[in-house]
């Protein structure tokens, strides 16, 4: 897929097929994260790949909105060290995770950000030191195809806002469309 096709194709997937993700595909996705920029190139993050179903079920139970983590074949936990980049650890980790999401889309996989989890539970399950922060979890897998039509019918796949609703020119009250050629 070309870059802008990837951007257009990416959407949050909450229903996953049972297909296994090949190690080669997973490595391509993880390599994309490794190439992500970070402040002063400190890379204050680690990604923990979790395929264990029991752990994924416990992740899902620990929060309100990530129940689908139990059915995704992979949960990718973004963990950061605030001592390495005190001001930027969350941003740097989020950039790496966005590279994961885009690379997954390019590889034909679906993904969904999960921010609803109990951090202490997740840390315990993955053996992360108390000093680290769990920034987000990415559910990763092949999309269960039958959900596309159902999701659209139920309004679960929403169109995005217009550029005028999201972008301003020079100041906050000046819409994008009034100032470009």
Protein backbone atom coordinates (compact mmCIF):
# COMPACT_ATOMS: atom_id res chain seq x y z
CA UNK A 1 0.00 0.00 0.00
CA UNK A 2 1.12 3.55 -0.70
CA UNK A 3 1.44 5.83 2.33
CA UNK A 4 -1.78 7.81 1.81
CA UNK A 5 -3.67 4.59 1.10
CA UNK A 6 -2.50 3.35 4.51
CA UNK A 7 -3.69 6.57 6.15
CA UNK A 8 -7.07 6.27 4.43
CA UNK A 9 -7.44 2.56 5.24
CA UNK A 10 -6.55 2.78 8.93
CA UNK A 11 -9.47 2.53 11.31
CA UNK A 12 -9.99 1.10 14.77
CA UNK A 13 -10.76 -2.62 14.72
CA UNK A 14 -12.52 -4.21 17.67
CA UNK A 15 -13.40 -7.63 16.23
CA UNK A 16 -10.57 -9.98 15.33
CA UNK A 17 -10.29 -13.23 13.40
CA UNK A 18 -8.39 -16.11 14.97
CA UNK A 19 -5.65 -16.01 12.30
CA UNK A 20 -2.13 -16.12 13.67
CA UNK A 21 0.17 -13.20 12.79
CA UNK A 22 3.38 -14.52 11.24
CA UNK A 23 6.63 -13.70 12.98
CA UNK A 24 7.92 -12.01 9.80
CA UNK A 25 4.87 -9.71 9.70
CA UNK A 26 5.19 -8.94 13.39
CA UNK A 27 8.89 -8.12 12.97
CA UNK A 28 8.11 -5.71 10.09
CA UNK A 29 5.62 -3.92 12.32
CA UNK A 30 8.01 -3.77 15.28
CA UNK A 31 10.83 -2.53 13.02
CA UNK A 32 8.59 0.40 12.03
CA UNK A 33 8.29 1.35 15.70
CA UNK A 34 12.06 1.18 16.07
CA UNK A 35 12.39 3.80 13.32
CA UNK A 36 10.07 6.28 15.06
CA UNK A 37 11.47 9.64 16.11
CA UNK A 38 11.91 10.58 19.74
CA UNK A 39 13.18 13.61 21.63
CA UNK A 40 17.00 13.57 21.53
CA UNK A 41 16.66 10.03 20.13
CA UNK A 42 16.37 8.72 23.69
CA UNK A 43 13.73 6.10 22.80
CA UNK A 44 12.36 5.87 26.36
CA UNK A 45 9.94 3.07 25.47
CA UNK A 46 9.75 -0.69 25.27
CA UNK A 47 7.07 -2.72 23.55
CA UNK A 48 5.92 -5.93 25.19
CA UNK A 49 4.31 -8.39 22.78
CA UNK A 50 1.67 -10.42 24.61
CA UNK A 51 0.15 -13.43 22.86
CA UNK A 52 -0.86 -15.31 26.02
CA UNK A 53 -4.68 -15.49 25.97
CA UNK A 54 -5.05 -15.50 29.75
CA UNK A 55 -3.00 -12.31 30.10
CA UNK A 56 -4.99 -10.63 27.31
CA UNK A 57 -8.23 -11.61 29.05
CA UNK A 58 -6.98 -10.04 32.27
CA UNK A 59 -5.97 -6.85 30.40
CA UNK A 60 -9.51 -6.74 28.97
CA UNK A 61 -11.13 -7.20 32.38
CA UNK A 62 -8.97 -4.50 33.97
CA UNK A 63 -10.56 -1.65 32.00
CA UNK A 64 -13.93 -0.51 30.73
CA UNK A 65 -13.41 -0.12 26.97
CA UNK A 66 -10.87 -2.74 25.91
CA UNK A 67 -12.88 -5.95 26.17
CA UNK A 68 -11.83 -6.93 22.62
CA UNK A 69 -8.23 -7.36 23.84
CA UNK A 70 -9.27 -10.85 24.89
CA UNK A 71 -9.89 -11.85 21.26
CA UNK A 72 -7.04 -10.03 19.51
CA UNK A 73 -4.17 -12.47 18.88
CA UNK A 74 -1.62 -9.89 20.06
CA UNK A 75 -1.74 -7.16 22.66
CA UNK A 76 1.20 -4.82 22.27
CA UNK A 77 1.91 -2.94 25.49
CA UNK A 78 3.72 0.39 25.18
CA UNK A 79 5.78 0.94 28.32
CA UNK A 80 7.87 4.04 28.99
CA UNK A 81 10.61 5.09 31.39
CA UNK A 82 9.91 8.64 32.64
CA UNK A 83 13.46 8.96 33.96
CA UNK A 84 14.90 8.67 30.44
CA UNK A 85 12.75 11.47 28.97
CA UNK A 86 10.75 13.11 31.77
CA UNK A 87 8.91 15.58 29.54
CA UNK A 88 8.52 13.44 26.43
CA UNK A 89 8.20 9.76 27.41
CA UNK A 90 4.44 9.62 26.69
CA UNK A 91 4.72 11.47 23.37
CA UNK A 92 7.69 9.37 22.22
CA UNK A 93 5.87 6.15 23.13
CA UNK A 94 2.72 7.33 21.36
CA UNK A 95 4.72 8.09 18.20
CA UNK A 96 6.20 4.58 18.26
CA UNK A 97 2.74 3.07 18.76
CA UNK A 98 1.34 5.11 15.87
CA UNK A 99 4.11 3.72 13.67
CA UNK A 100 2.91 0.25 14.80
CA UNK A 101 -0.70 1.06 13.88
CA UNK A 102 0.24 2.37 10.43
CA UNK A 103 2.62 -0.52 9.73
CA UNK A 104 -0.07 -2.99 10.82
CA UNK A 105 -2.49 -1.41 8.36
CA UNK A 106 0.11 -1.65 5.58
CA UNK A 107 0.51 -5.36 6.43
CA UNK A 108 -3.26 -5.95 6.20
CA UNK A 109 -3.86 -6.13 9.95
CA UNK A 110 -6.32 -4.26 12.11
CA UNK A 111 -5.50 -2.49 15.34
CA UNK A 112 -7.07 -0.43 18.08
CA UNK A 113 -5.57 1.83 20.74
CA UNK A 114 -6.62 0.95 24.27
CA UNK A 115 -6.19 3.45 27.07
CA UNK A 116 -8.70 1.87 29.42
CA UNK A 117 -6.80 -0.54 31.67
CA UNK A 118 -5.57 -0.87 35.22
CA UNK A 119 -1.91 0.04 35.01
CA UNK A 120 -0.90 -1.95 38.10
CA UNK A 121 -2.56 -5.10 36.71
CA UNK A 122 -0.87 -4.72 33.32
CA UNK A 123 2.54 -4.06 34.91
CA UNK A 124 2.21 -7.13 37.11
CA UNK A 125 1.18 -9.35 34.19
CA UNK A 126 4.10 -8.27 31.99
CA UNK A 127 6.66 -8.01 34.80
CA UNK A 128 7.31 -4.28 34.30
CA UNK A 129 9.09 -2.44 37.10
CA UNK A 130 6.97 -0.08 39.20
CA UNK A 131 9.00 2.93 38.00
CA UNK A 132 7.78 2.51 34.41
CA UNK A 133 4.53 3.81 32.90
CA UNK A 134 2.14 1.88 30.68
CA UNK A 135 1.16 4.45 28.04
CA UNK A 136 -1.26 2.38 25.93
CA UNK A 137 -2.04 -1.08 24.65
CA UNK A 138 -2.55 -1.84 20.96
CA UNK A 139 -4.88 -4.70 20.04
CA UNK A 140 -3.43 -6.26 16.91
CA UNK A 141 -4.76 -8.88 14.51
CA UNK A 142 -6.63 -9.65 11.33
CA UNK A 143 -10.04 -8.03 11.23
CA UNK A 144 -13.10 -10.25 11.37
CA UNK A 145 -14.63 -9.20 8.03
CA UNK A 146 -18.29 -9.57 8.98
CA UNK A 147 -18.02 -6.60 11.32
CA UNK A 148 -17.41 -3.98 8.60
CA UNK A 149 -21.02 -3.80 7.42
CA UNK A 150 -22.39 -4.26 10.92
CA UNK A 151 -20.07 -1.61 12.35
CA UNK A 152 -21.02 0.88 9.65
CA UNK A 153 -24.72 0.13 10.13
CA UNK A 154 -24.43 0.71 13.86
CA UNK A 155 -22.45 3.92 13.42
CA UNK A 156 -19.35 2.38 14.99
CA UNK A 157 -17.16 3.32 12.04
CA UNK A 158 -17.53 7.08 12.02
CA UNK A 159 -16.45 9.49 9.33
CA UNK A 160 -13.81 11.93 10.48
CA UNK A 161 -14.38 15.67 10.88
CA UNK A 162 -13.63 18.12 8.07
CA UNK A 163 -10.32 19.99 7.92
CA UNK A 164 -12.14 23.19 8.92
CA UNK A 165 -13.24 21.49 12.13
CA UNK A 166 -9.68 20.38 12.90
CA UNK A 167 -7.23 22.86 11.37
CA UNK A 168 -6.84 26.62 11.80
CA UNK A 169 -4.67 29.07 9.88
CA UNK A 170 -2.46 31.39 11.94
CA UNK A 171 -4.88 31.60 14.89
CA UNK A 172 -7.47 29.44 16.55
CA UNK A 173 -10.52 31.21 15.12
CA UNK A 174 -9.40 31.25 11.47
CA UNK A 175 -10.63 28.15 9.53
CA UNK A 176 -8.31 26.34 7.16
CA UNK A 177 -10.53 26.79 4.09
CA UNK A 178 -10.42 30.58 4.24
CA UNK A 179 -6.64 30.82 3.90
CA UNK A 180 -5.23 28.33 1.47
CA UNK A 181 -5.02 28.38 -2.34
